[in-house]
Amino acid sequence: MLGTDFTTGSPNWLDLGSPDTDAAAAFYGAVLGWRFVSAGPDTGGYGFFQVDGKTVAALGPLTEEGANSAWMIHFKTGDIAATVEAVTAGGGTVRMEPMDVMGEGMLAQATDPQGAQFALWQPGRTAGLELTSAPNALLWAELHAPDPEADIAFYQGLFGWRSQEMPAPGMTYRVLSTAEGDQQDASFGGVAPLGDGAGELPRWVPYFHSTDVDATITAAQSNGGSVLMPATDVPEVGRMAWLADPFGAVFALLKPDPRM
């Protein structure tokens, strides 16, 4: 289960790039109950989404030319320079070389060989998110890729991840775990084959814990969001849905099966 005792390869940060940060903050505040707190006047509009005073995600303006609004999942590394070299050696692309973020940590951005974007975070003063696997916080990170096995091999070269196949309706799902500890306890996400629908892109999708998926969908639609996958019950997983915010950033909801 995703926690905040981050180890190598753990998702340890999550932020949203948006063309209108004020509108995005209002949307997620109405839908997930998040409070937006500015990081200060010298951060270019960057700030933090919080639940009960704990950071669950972050928000900032789009910084890459031609970029679309999207959620970016960051993975922990203890040596960002070495991980960036491994990205290139594994066939990925480094979109932003490592940079110091005011002593809070080191940041880099990359794209895997199949086109999914992700980021790296080497902690400084900031280890990562302060709340996960709780209502309205990050619960799961899911990669959609044309060739799941090849992409898993790429990330194993970066972080040493473990994977385990799990039968799922119409496909083979692969559960990802960090390299340390019990494999099930260390699981944080999964990999699904890319769908055949128009506009399907390789990408990482964050899943947020929802106590009422249907009510959250209604709130999203009432505030300009759209439904990409209607709420559905998945045996031994829970009730889930895929949404997009008013600017097209994709995210998912999951109410875990209480028996799991």
Protein backbone atom coordinates (compact mmCIF):
# COMPACT_ATOMS: atom_id res chain seq x y z
CA MET A 1 0.00 0.00 0.00
CA LEU A 2 1.22 3.48 -0.81
CA GLY A 3 2.48 5.24 2.30
CA THR A 4 4.75 8.13 3.22
CA ASP A 5 7.79 6.13 4.34
CA PHE A 6 9.19 6.49 0.85
CA THR A 7 11.79 4.09 -0.52
CA THR A 8 13.55 4.05 -3.89
CA GLY A 9 10.95 4.02 -6.65
CA SER A 10 8.02 5.05 -4.46
CA PRO A 11 5.65 7.67 -5.85
CA ASN A 12 6.60 10.49 -3.49
CA TRP A 13 5.23 13.60 -5.17
CA LEU A 14 2.37 14.49 -7.47
CA ASP A 15 1.59 17.75 -9.18
CA LEU A 16 -0.73 19.19 -11.78
CA GLY A 17 0.28 21.54 -14.57
CA SER A 18 -2.63 23.74 -15.57
CA PRO A 19 -3.20 26.70 -17.89
CA ASP A 20 -5.42 28.32 -15.23
CA THR A 21 -4.28 27.54 -11.71
CA ASP A 22 -7.04 29.55 -10.03
CA ALA A 23 -9.75 27.64 -11.90
CA ALA A 24 -8.01 24.31 -11.29
CA ALA A 25 -7.73 25.02 -7.57
CA ALA A 26 -11.44 25.86 -7.46
CA PHE A 27 -12.36 22.66 -9.32
CA TYR A 28 -10.41 20.30 -7.07
CA GLY A 29 -11.56 22.18 -4.01
CA ALA A 30 -15.18 21.58 -5.00
CA VAL A 31 -14.64 17.97 -6.09
CA LEU A 32 -12.12 16.58 -3.60
CA GLY A 33 -12.32 19.13 -0.81
CA TRP A 34 -8.73 20.25 -1.27
CA ARG A 35 -7.44 23.57 0.06
CA PHE A 36 -4.84 25.32 -2.08
CA VAL A 37 -1.92 26.97 -0.26
CA SER A 38 0.58 29.09 -2.19
CA ALA A 39 4.24 28.12 -1.92
CA GLY A 40 5.16 31.80 -1.89
CA PRO A 41 5.70 34.77 -4.20
CA ASP A 42 8.97 33.43 -5.63
CA THR A 43 7.57 30.11 -6.88
CA GLY A 44 5.80 31.29 -10.03
CA GLY A 45 2.30 30.44 -8.85
CA TYR A 46 3.19 26.98 -7.52
CA GLY A 47 1.41 25.76 -4.42
CA PHE A 48 0.08 22.80 -2.47
CA PHE A 49 -3.25 21.00 -2.25
CA GLN A 50 -3.95 20.03 1.35
CA VAL A 51 -6.35 17.87 3.32
CA ASP A 52 -6.51 18.63 7.06
CA GLY A 53 -3.33 20.65 6.72
CA LYS A 54 -1.34 17.86 5.04
CA THR A 55 -0.08 18.09 1.47
CA VAL A 56 -1.68 15.55 -0.88
CA ALA A 57 -0.66 17.06 -4.24
CA ALA A 58 0.60 20.28 -5.80
CA LEU A 59 -0.38 22.68 -8.58
CA GLY A 60 1.50 25.00 -10.87
CA PRO A 61 1.30 26.66 -14.29
CA LEU A 62 2.36 24.81 -17.41
CA THR A 63 6.06 25.38 -18.06
CA GLU A 64 6.85 23.31 -21.17
CA GLU A 65 6.06 24.77 -24.59
CA GLY A 66 3.08 23.01 -26.15
CA ALA A 67 2.33 21.06 -22.97
CA ASN A 68 -1.20 19.97 -22.16
CA SER A 69 -2.68 20.02 -18.69
CA ALA A 70 -1.78 16.77 -16.94
CA TRP A 71 -0.95 15.17 -13.63
CA MET A 72 2.72 14.31 -13.13
CA ILE A 73 3.75 11.46 -10.83
CA HIS A 74 7.22 11.75 -9.27
CA PHE A 75 9.26 8.77 -8.09
CA LYS A 76 11.84 8.83 -5.33
CA THR A 77 15.50 8.44 -6.16
CA GLY A 78 18.49 8.67 -3.86
CA ASP A 79 20.82 9.58 -6.74
CA ILE A 80 19.03 11.61 -9.37
CA ALA A 81 22.10 11.95 -11.61
CA ALA A 82 22.50 8.18 -11.82
CA THR A 83 18.78 7.68 -12.42
CA VAL A 84 18.79 10.20 -15.26
CA GLU A 85 21.67 8.29 -16.85
CA ALA A 86 19.66 5.09 -16.50
CA VAL A 87 16.69 6.75 -18.22
CA THR A 88 18.81 7.47 -21.28
CA ALA A 89 20.51 4.08 -21.22
CA GLY A 90 17.10 2.38 -21.10
CA GLY A 91 15.80 4.22 -24.16
CA GLY A 92 13.90 6.98 -22.38
CA THR A 93 14.22 10.73 -22.84
CA VAL A 94 15.22 13.34 -20.27
CA ARG A 95 12.97 16.37 -20.75
CA MET A 96 14.44 18.39 -17.89
CA GLU A 97 17.88 17.83 -16.41
CA PRO A 98 18.21 17.65 -12.62
CA MET A 99 17.77 20.97 -10.87
CA ASP A 100 17.78 22.06 -7.25
CA VAL A 101 14.39 23.30 -6.02
CA MET A 102 15.41 25.83 -3.38
CA GLY A 103 16.90 23.16 -1.16
CA GLU A 104 13.66 21.21 -0.94
CA GLY A 105 15.00 18.53 -3.27
CA MET A 106 16.30 17.75 -6.73
CA LEU A 107 13.86 17.49 -9.63
CA ALA A 108 14.11 16.02 -13.13
CA GLN A 109 11.50 15.13 -15.74
CA ALA A 110 11.58 12.29 -18.23
CA THR A 111 9.59 10.28 -20.76
CA ASP A 112 9.73 6.50 -20.88
CA PRO A 113 10.45 4.64 -24.16
CA GLN A 114 6.72 4.28 -24.89
CA GLY A 115 5.82 7.91 -24.34
CA ALA A 116 4.55 8.12 -20.74
CA GLN A 117 5.86 11.16 -18.87
CA PHE A 118 7.06 11.03 -15.28
CA ALA A 119 9.34 12.90 -12.90
CA LEU A 120 12.08 12.14 -10.39
CA TRP A 121 12.39 13.62 -6.92
CA GLN A 122 15.49 13.31 -4.75
CA PRO A 123 14.42 14.56 -1.33
CA GLY A 124 16.10 17.46 0.38
CA ARG A 125 14.09 19.22 3.07
CA THR A 126 10.89 17.85 1.50
CA ALA A 127 10.61 14.07 1.53
CA GLY A 128 7.36 14.01 -0.40
CA LEU A 129 3.62 14.02 0.09
CA GLU A 130 2.40 14.20 3.68
CA LEU A 131 -0.75 12.09 3.26
CA THR A 132 -1.51 9.12 0.99
CA SER A 133 -3.93 6.17 0.98
CA ALA A 134 -6.52 8.23 2.84
CA PRO A 135 -9.80 9.80 1.67
CA ASN A 136 -9.16 12.34 -1.11
CA ALA A 137 -5.44 11.49 -1.26
CA LEU A 138 -3.30 9.53 -3.73
CA LEU A 139 -3.98 5.82 -3.42
CA TRP A 140 -2.59 4.18 -6.58
CA ALA A 141 -0.46 5.02 -9.61
CA GLU A 142 -1.31 3.29 -12.88
CA LEU A 143 0.71 3.14 -16.09
CA HIS A 144 -1.00 2.53 -19.43
CA ALA A 145 1.47 1.30 -22.05
CA PRO A 146 1.33 -0.43 -25.46
CA ASP A 147 3.87 -3.04 -24.29
CA PRO A 148 3.56 -3.44 -20.50
CA GLU A 149 6.38 -5.96 -20.15
CA ALA A 150 8.88 -3.78 -22.00
CA ASP A 151 7.95 -0.71 -19.96
CA ILE A 152 8.20 -2.64 -16.70
CA ALA A 153 11.71 -3.70 -17.70
CA PHE A 154 12.61 -0.05 -18.29
CA TYR A 155 11.45 1.02 -14.84
CA GLN A 156 13.10 -1.99 -13.22
CA GLY A 157 16.34 -0.64 -14.62
CA LEU A 158 15.70 2.66 -12.83
CA PHE A 159 14.23 1.55 -9.52
CA GLY A 160 14.42 -2.24 -9.23
CA TRP A 161 10.63 -2.56 -9.13
CA ARG A 162 8.99 -5.96 -8.78
CA SER A 163 5.84 -6.93 -10.69
CA GLN A 164 3.22 -9.62 -10.31
CA GLU A 165 0.55 -10.63 -12.82
CA MET A 166 -3.05 -10.44 -11.71
CA PRO A 167 -6.00 -11.63 -13.82
CA ALA A 168 -8.42 -8.85 -14.71
CA PRO A 169 -11.48 -8.63 -16.96
CA GLY A 170 -10.23 -8.83 -20.57
CA MET A 171 -6.55 -8.37 -19.80
CA THR A 172 -3.56 -9.21 -17.66
CA TYR A 173 -2.90 -6.57 -15.04
CA ARG A 174 0.54 -6.24 -13.48
CA VAL A 175 0.87 -4.98 -9.92
CA LEU A 176 4.02 -2.96 -9.17
CA SER A 177 5.98 -2.99 -5.92
CA THR A 178 9.13 -1.28 -4.78
CA ALA A 179 12.23 -3.39 -4.30
CA GLU A 180 12.16 -3.41 -0.50
CA GLY A 181 10.01 -5.37 1.93
CA ASP A 182 7.06 -7.71 1.48
CA GLN A 183 5.93 -7.52 -2.15
CA GLN A 184 2.25 -7.08 -1.40
CA ASP A 185 2.83 -4.50 1.32
CA ALA A 186 5.20 -2.60 -0.98
CA SER A 187 2.72 -2.42 -3.87
CA PHE A 188 1.88 1.10 -5.01
CA GLY A 189 0.49 0.82 -8.53
CA GLY A 190 0.03 -1.23 -11.64
CA VAL A 191 0.42 -1.47 -15.39
CA ALA A 192 -2.43 -2.01 -17.85
CA PRO A 193 -2.23 -2.49 -21.62
CA LEU A 194 -3.11 0.62 -23.57
CA GLY A 195 -6.71 0.64 -24.78
CA ASP A 196 -7.77 0.81 -28.41
CA GLY A 197 -9.94 3.90 -28.03
CA ALA A 198 -9.30 7.07 -29.98
CA GLY A 199 -7.05 9.45 -28.12
CA GLU A 200 -5.61 6.78 -25.83
CA LEU A 201 -2.06 7.76 -24.88
CA PRO A 202 0.68 6.09 -22.87
CA ARG A 203 0.55 7.79 -19.48
CA TRP A 204 0.62 7.54 -15.72
CA VAL A 205 -2.76 8.10 -14.07
CA PRO A 206 -3.18 8.97 -10.38
CA TYR A 207 -6.00 7.30 -8.46
CA PHE A 208 -7.49 9.22 -5.54
CA HIS A 209 -9.25 7.51 -2.66
CA SER A 210 -12.97 8.30 -2.80
CA THR A 211 -15.47 7.39 -0.10
CA ASP A 212 -18.32 7.92 -2.60
CA VAL A 213 -17.32 7.62 -6.24
CA ASP A 214 -20.76 8.46 -7.61
CA ALA A 215 -21.11 11.63 -5.54
CA THR A 216 -17.63 12.73 -6.57
CA ILE A 217 -18.51 12.21 -10.23
CA THR A 218 -21.60 14.39 -9.80
CA ALA A 219 -19.49 17.12 -8.20
CA ALA A 220 -16.94 16.93 -11.02
CA GLN A 221 -19.60 17.24 -13.72
CA SER A 222 -21.24 20.14 -11.88
CA ASN A 223 -17.91 21.98 -11.90
CA GLY A 224 -16.94 21.49 -15.54
CA GLY A 225 -15.28 18.10 -15.42
CA SER A 226 -16.08 15.16 -17.66
CA VAL A 227 -16.44 11.39 -17.23
CA LEU A 228 -14.07 9.24 -19.28
CA MET A 229 -15.02 5.91 -17.70
CA PRO A 230 -18.30 5.65 -15.75
CA ALA A 231 -18.28 4.28 -12.24
CA THR A 232 -17.89 0.51 -12.28
CA ASP A 233 -17.37 -2.20 -9.68
CA VAL A 234 -14.26 -4.32 -10.15
CA PRO A 235 -14.27 -7.58 -8.18
CA GLU A 236 -11.72 -7.66 -5.35
CA VAL A 237 -10.61 -4.10 -6.18
CA GLY A 238 -13.48 -1.70 -5.56
CA ARG A 239 -15.58 0.92 -7.31
CA MET A 240 -13.70 3.15 -9.73
CA ALA A 241 -14.12 5.79 -12.41
CA TRP A 242 -11.96 7.89 -14.73
CA LEU A 243 -12.48 11.65 -14.99
CA ALA A 244 -10.94 14.69 -16.63
CA ASP A 245 -10.85 18.16 -15.11
CA PRO A 246 -12.06 21.20 -17.11
CA PHE A 247 -8.65 21.49 -18.80
CA GLY A 248 -8.37 17.82 -19.77
CA ALA A 249 -6.09 16.50 -17.01
CA VAL A 250 -6.96 12.84 -16.44
CA PHE A 251 -7.35 11.31 -12.99
CA ALA A 252 -9.19 8.38 -11.46
CA LEU A 253 -11.23 7.61 -8.37
CA LEU A 254 -11.22 4.41 -6.36
CA LYS A 255 -13.27 3.32 -3.39
CA PRO A 256 -11.35 0.23 -2.28
CA ASP A 257 -13.21 -2.99 -1.59
CA PRO A 258 -13.29 -3.07 2.23
CA ARG A 259 -12.62 -6.81 2.17
CA MET A 260 -9.24 -6.30 0.53
